[in-house]
Amino acid sequence: MNDLKEPVSYKDIFNKTDKKEWIAAVDSELNNMKKLNVYTPMKVIPKGANIISPKWVFKYKQDSNGNIIKRKARLVAKGFTLPYGIDYKETFSPTMKQDTLKIITALAAFNNFNIQQLEIKAAYLNAPLNETIYI
C-alpha cells in the first residue's frame, strides 16, 4: 500500500498503486459538479474574461485507527492568484472548528438533547461569477 502520501497533482494519481480508487474519486467529484450544475462548459473564452486556473486537491480519509476508508478528490479554483480588491472582495470557507463541535456536543449532553448527524457529500456555492475558470 502507499505510504499515505497524497497525490500532489492529477498526473501524480497515475503513479500511485491505488490509482483506480483515485480515478474513482475524481470521477465522483466531476459527477457531483455536473449533477449540481455548478459550471457551464465553454468552447470559447469570452474576450476580456478573468481566467482562474483550477487545482486538484487529494486527501486520504482515515478512521480512528488510521485505516484508509476512502479517497477524496476536490477540484478547486486557484483564487489566491487574483489580486485583492480587483478580482475579488473577500474569501471565506464555512467550516466548523473541532472546539466548536466539542462545545455543542457537551451542551447537548448536559441538556439531554438528541444529536443527529448529517454528512453532506458535496456542496457548492452556485452564485454567479464574473470570473471564468478555465480547465
C-alpha atoms as a PDB file:
ATOM      1  CA  MET A   1       0.000   0.000   0.000  1.00  0.00           C
ATOM      2  CA  ASN A   2       1.010   3.627  -0.363  1.00  0.00           C
ATOM      3  CA  ASP A   3       2.959   5.418   2.307  1.00  0.00           C
ATOM      4  CA  LEU A   4      -0.050   7.738   2.754  1.00  0.00           C
ATOM      5  CA  LYS A   5       1.422  10.481   0.611  1.00  0.00           C
ATOM      6  CA  GLU A   6      -1.485  12.015  -1.227  1.00  0.00           C
ATOM      7  CA  PRO A   7      -1.091  12.809  -4.909  1.00  0.00           C
ATOM      8  CA  VAL A   8       0.045  16.381  -5.491  1.00  0.00           C
ATOM      9  CA  SER A   9      -1.405  16.687  -8.988  1.00  0.00           C
ATOM     10  CA  TYR A  10      -3.805  14.944 -11.351  1.00  0.00           C
ATOM     11  CA  LYS A  11      -0.864  13.338 -13.189  1.00  0.00           C
ATOM     12  CA  ASP A  12       0.506  12.062  -9.876  1.00  0.00           C
ATOM     13  CA  ILE A  13      -2.506   9.781  -9.279  1.00  0.00           C
ATOM     14  CA  PHE A  14      -1.290   7.584 -12.130  1.00  0.00           C
ATOM     15  CA  ASN A  15       1.949   6.885 -10.216  1.00  0.00           C
ATOM     16  CA  LYS A  16       0.047   5.530  -7.207  1.00  0.00           C
ATOM     17  CA  THR A  17      -0.631   1.848  -6.546  1.00  0.00           C
ATOM     18  CA  ASP A  18      -4.231   2.799  -5.725  1.00  0.00           C
ATOM     19  CA  LYS A  19      -4.756   4.832  -8.905  1.00  0.00           C
ATOM     20  CA  LYS A  20      -8.100   3.133  -9.640  1.00  0.00           C
ATOM     21  CA  GLU A  21      -9.511   4.427  -6.365  1.00  0.00           C
ATOM     22  CA  TRP A  22      -8.147   7.933  -7.039  1.00  0.00           C
ATOM     23  CA  ILE A  23      -9.656   7.933 -10.537  1.00  0.00           C
ATOM     24  CA  ALA A  24     -12.987   6.899  -8.996  1.00  0.00           C
ATOM     25  CA  ALA A  25     -12.698   9.820  -6.522  1.00  0.00           C
ATOM     26  CA  VAL A  26     -12.022  12.245  -9.407  1.00  0.00           C
ATOM     27  CA  ASP A  27     -14.991  10.844 -11.341  1.00  0.00           C
ATOM     28  CA  SER A  28     -17.194  11.218  -8.255  1.00  0.00           C
ATOM     29  CA  GLU A  29     -16.197  14.880  -7.869  1.00  0.00           C
ATOM     30  CA  LEU A  30     -16.834  15.646 -11.541  1.00  0.00           C
ATOM     31  CA  ASN A  31     -20.179  13.800 -11.465  1.00  0.00           C
ATOM     32  CA  ASN A  32     -21.253  15.750  -8.352  1.00  0.00           C
ATOM     33  CA  MET A  33     -20.333  19.029 -10.021  1.00  0.00           C
ATOM     34  CA  LYS A  34     -22.273  18.068 -13.138  1.00  0.00           C
ATOM     35  CA  LYS A  35     -25.294  16.824 -11.154  1.00  0.00           C
ATOM     36  CA  LEU A  36     -25.425  20.030  -9.089  1.00  0.00           C
ATOM     37  CA  ASN A  37     -24.961  22.186 -12.199  1.00  0.00           C
ATOM     38  CA  VAL A  38     -22.073  24.216 -10.784  1.00  0.00           C
ATOM     39  CA  TYR A  39     -20.427  25.033 -14.075  1.00  0.00           C
ATOM     40  CA  THR A  40     -21.200  25.814 -17.689  1.00  0.00           C
ATOM     41  CA  PRO A  41     -18.873  24.253 -20.267  1.00  0.00           C
ATOM     42  CA  MET A  42     -17.437  26.844 -22.635  1.00  0.00           C
ATOM     43  CA  LYS A  43     -15.840  26.178 -26.007  1.00  0.00           C
ATOM     44  CA  VAL A  44     -14.704  29.771 -26.495  1.00  0.00           C
ATOM     45  CA  ILE A  45     -13.368  32.009 -23.744  1.00  0.00           C
ATOM     46  CA  PRO A  46     -15.055  35.424 -23.849  1.00  0.00           C
ATOM     47  CA  LYS A  47     -12.767  38.327 -24.687  1.00  0.00           C
ATOM     48  CA  GLY A  48     -11.553  40.100 -21.554  1.00  0.00           C
ATOM     49  CA  ALA A  49     -12.550  37.205 -19.251  1.00  0.00           C
ATOM     50  CA  ASN A  50     -10.664  36.842 -15.973  1.00  0.00           C
ATOM     51  CA  ILE A  51      -9.246  33.321 -16.053  1.00  0.00           C
ATOM     52  CA  ILE A  52      -8.838  31.366 -12.817  1.00  0.00           C
ATOM     53  CA  SER A  53      -6.929  28.096 -13.109  1.00  0.00           C
ATOM     54  CA  PRO A  54      -8.161  25.034 -11.209  1.00  0.00           C
ATOM     55  CA  LYS A  55      -6.200  22.688  -8.970  1.00  0.00           C
ATOM     56  CA  TRP A  56      -6.950  19.169  -7.851  1.00  0.00           C
ATOM     57  CA  VAL A  57      -6.652  18.541  -4.101  1.00  0.00           C
ATOM     58  CA  PHE A  58      -6.414  14.931  -2.942  1.00  0.00           C
ATOM     59  CA  LYS A  59      -6.842  13.569   0.593  1.00  0.00           C
ATOM     60  CA  TYR A  60      -6.910  10.175   2.231  1.00  0.00           C
ATOM     61  CA  LYS A  61      -9.794   9.934   4.704  1.00  0.00           C
ATOM     62  CA  GLN A  62      -8.956   7.671   7.638  1.00  0.00           C
ATOM     63  CA  ASP A  63     -10.828   6.076  10.502  1.00  0.00           C
ATOM     64  CA  SER A  64      -9.757   6.454  14.127  1.00  0.00           C
ATOM     65  CA  ASN A  65      -7.264   3.597  13.710  1.00  0.00           C
ATOM     66  CA  GLY A  66      -5.534   5.223  10.751  1.00  0.00           C
ATOM     67  CA  ASN A  67      -7.012   2.850   8.160  1.00  0.00           C
ATOM     68  CA  ILE A  68      -7.880   4.415   4.829  1.00  0.00           C
ATOM     69  CA  ILE A  69     -11.657   4.446   4.430  1.00  0.00           C
ATOM     70  CA  LYS A  70     -11.861   6.499   1.234  1.00  0.00           C
ATOM     71  CA  ARG A  71     -10.102   8.909  -1.027  1.00  0.00           C
ATOM     72  CA  LYS A  72     -11.404  12.439  -1.656  1.00  0.00           C
ATOM     73  CA  ALA A  73     -10.662  14.493  -4.737  1.00  0.00           C
ATOM     74  CA  ARG A  74     -11.713  18.132  -4.951  1.00  0.00           C
ATOM     75  CA  LEU A  75     -11.401  20.487  -7.884  1.00  0.00           C
ATOM     76  CA  VAL A  76     -10.787  23.968  -6.520  1.00  0.00           C
ATOM     77  CA  ALA A  77     -10.193  27.362  -8.090  1.00  0.00           C
ATOM     78  CA  LYS A  78      -6.810  28.959  -7.522  1.00  0.00           C
ATOM     79  CA  GLY A  79      -8.395  32.121  -6.155  1.00  0.00           C
ATOM     80  CA  PHE A  80      -5.142  33.035  -4.421  1.00  0.00           C
ATOM     81  CA  THR A  81      -3.738  34.077  -7.806  1.00  0.00           C
ATOM     82  CA  LEU A  82      -6.134  37.014  -8.035  1.00  0.00           C
ATOM     83  CA  PRO A  83      -5.054  40.479  -6.845  1.00  0.00           C
ATOM     84  CA  TYR A  84      -7.030  41.540  -3.773  1.00  0.00           C
ATOM     85  CA  GLY A  85      -9.594  44.233  -4.470  1.00  0.00           C
ATOM     86  CA  ILE A  86      -9.503  43.751  -8.243  1.00  0.00           C
ATOM     87  CA  ASP A  87     -10.980  40.322  -8.931  1.00  0.00           C
ATOM     88  CA  TYR A  88     -12.495  39.557  -5.543  1.00  0.00           C
ATOM     89  CA  LYS A  89     -13.533  41.305  -2.378  1.00  0.00           C
ATOM     90  CA  GLU A  90     -13.215  38.564   0.211  1.00  0.00           C
ATOM     91  CA  THR A  91     -12.846  34.844   0.627  1.00  0.00           C
ATOM     92  CA  PHE A  92     -14.223  32.527   3.255  1.00  0.00           C
ATOM     93  CA  SER A  93     -14.897  28.876   3.768  1.00  0.00           C
ATOM     94  CA  PRO A  94     -17.650  27.922   6.220  1.00  0.00           C
ATOM     95  CA  THR A  95     -16.178  25.162   8.346  1.00  0.00           C
ATOM     96  CA  MET A  96     -16.636  24.221  11.975  1.00  0.00           C
ATOM     97  CA  LYS A  97     -13.652  24.085  14.310  1.00  0.00           C
ATOM     98  CA  GLN A  98     -13.164  20.997  16.438  1.00  0.00           C
ATOM     99  CA  ASP A  99     -13.518  23.043  19.648  1.00  0.00           C
ATOM    100  CA  THR A 100     -16.928  24.295  18.465  1.00  0.00           C
ATOM    101  CA  LEU A 101     -18.093  20.736  17.867  1.00  0.00           C
ATOM    102  CA  LYS A 102     -16.921  19.713  21.357  1.00  0.00           C
ATOM    103  CA  ILE A 103     -18.813  22.593  22.975  1.00  0.00           C
ATOM    104  CA  ILE A 104     -22.012  21.825  21.062  1.00  0.00           C
ATOM    105  CA  THR A 105     -21.742  18.143  21.981  1.00  0.00           C
ATOM    106  CA  ALA A 106     -21.144  18.965  25.655  1.00  0.00           C
ATOM    107  CA  LEU A 107     -24.122  21.346  25.743  1.00  0.00           C
ATOM    108  CA  ALA A 108     -26.335  18.737  24.098  1.00  0.00           C
ATOM    109  CA  ALA A 109     -25.262  16.087  26.612  1.00  0.00           C
ATOM    110  CA  PHE A 110     -25.749  18.456  29.572  1.00  0.00           C
ATOM    111  CA  ASN A 111     -29.244  19.441  28.387  1.00  0.00           C
ATOM    112  CA  ASN A 112     -30.172  15.876  27.362  1.00  0.00           C
ATOM    113  CA  PHE A 113     -30.669  16.913  23.732  1.00  0.00           C
ATOM    114  CA  ASN A 114     -30.638  14.426  20.905  1.00  0.00           C
ATOM    115  CA  ILE A 115     -27.878  14.844  18.346  1.00  0.00           C
ATOM    116  CA  GLN A 116     -28.358  13.840  14.739  1.00  0.00           C
ATOM    117  CA  GLN A 117     -25.571  13.600  12.215  1.00  0.00           C
ATOM    118  CA  LEU A 118     -25.772  14.623   8.594  1.00  0.00           C
ATOM    119  CA  GLU A 119     -22.982  14.066   6.111  1.00  0.00           C
ATOM    120  CA  ILE A 120     -23.006  16.300   3.085  1.00  0.00           C
ATOM    121  CA  LYS A 121     -21.108  14.564   0.339  1.00  0.00           C
ATOM    122  CA  ALA A 122     -20.820  17.575  -1.949  1.00  0.00           C
ATOM    123  CA  ALA A 123     -21.867  21.174  -1.501  1.00  0.00           C
ATOM    124  CA  TYR A 124     -21.094  24.032  -3.834  1.00  0.00           C
ATOM    125  CA  LEU A 125     -21.971  27.676  -3.858  1.00  0.00           C
ATOM    126  CA  ASN A 126     -23.725  28.283  -7.118  1.00  0.00           C
ATOM    127  CA  ALA A 127     -23.521  32.055  -7.283  1.00  0.00           C
ATOM    128  CA  PRO A 128     -22.926  33.976 -10.498  1.00  0.00           C
ATOM    129  CA  LEU A 129     -19.287  34.921 -11.068  1.00  0.00           C
ATOM    130  CA  ASN A 130     -17.687  37.453 -13.360  1.00  0.00           C
ATOM    131  CA  GLU A 131     -14.527  35.324 -13.465  1.00  0.00           C
ATOM    132  CA  THR A 132     -14.056  32.375 -15.772  1.00  0.00           C
ATOM    133  CA  ILE A 133     -12.431  29.185 -14.523  1.00  0.00           C
ATOM    134  CA  TYR A 134     -10.558  27.560 -17.380  1.00  0.00           C
ATOM    135  CA  ILE A 135      -9.915  23.838 -17.123  1.00  0.00           C
END
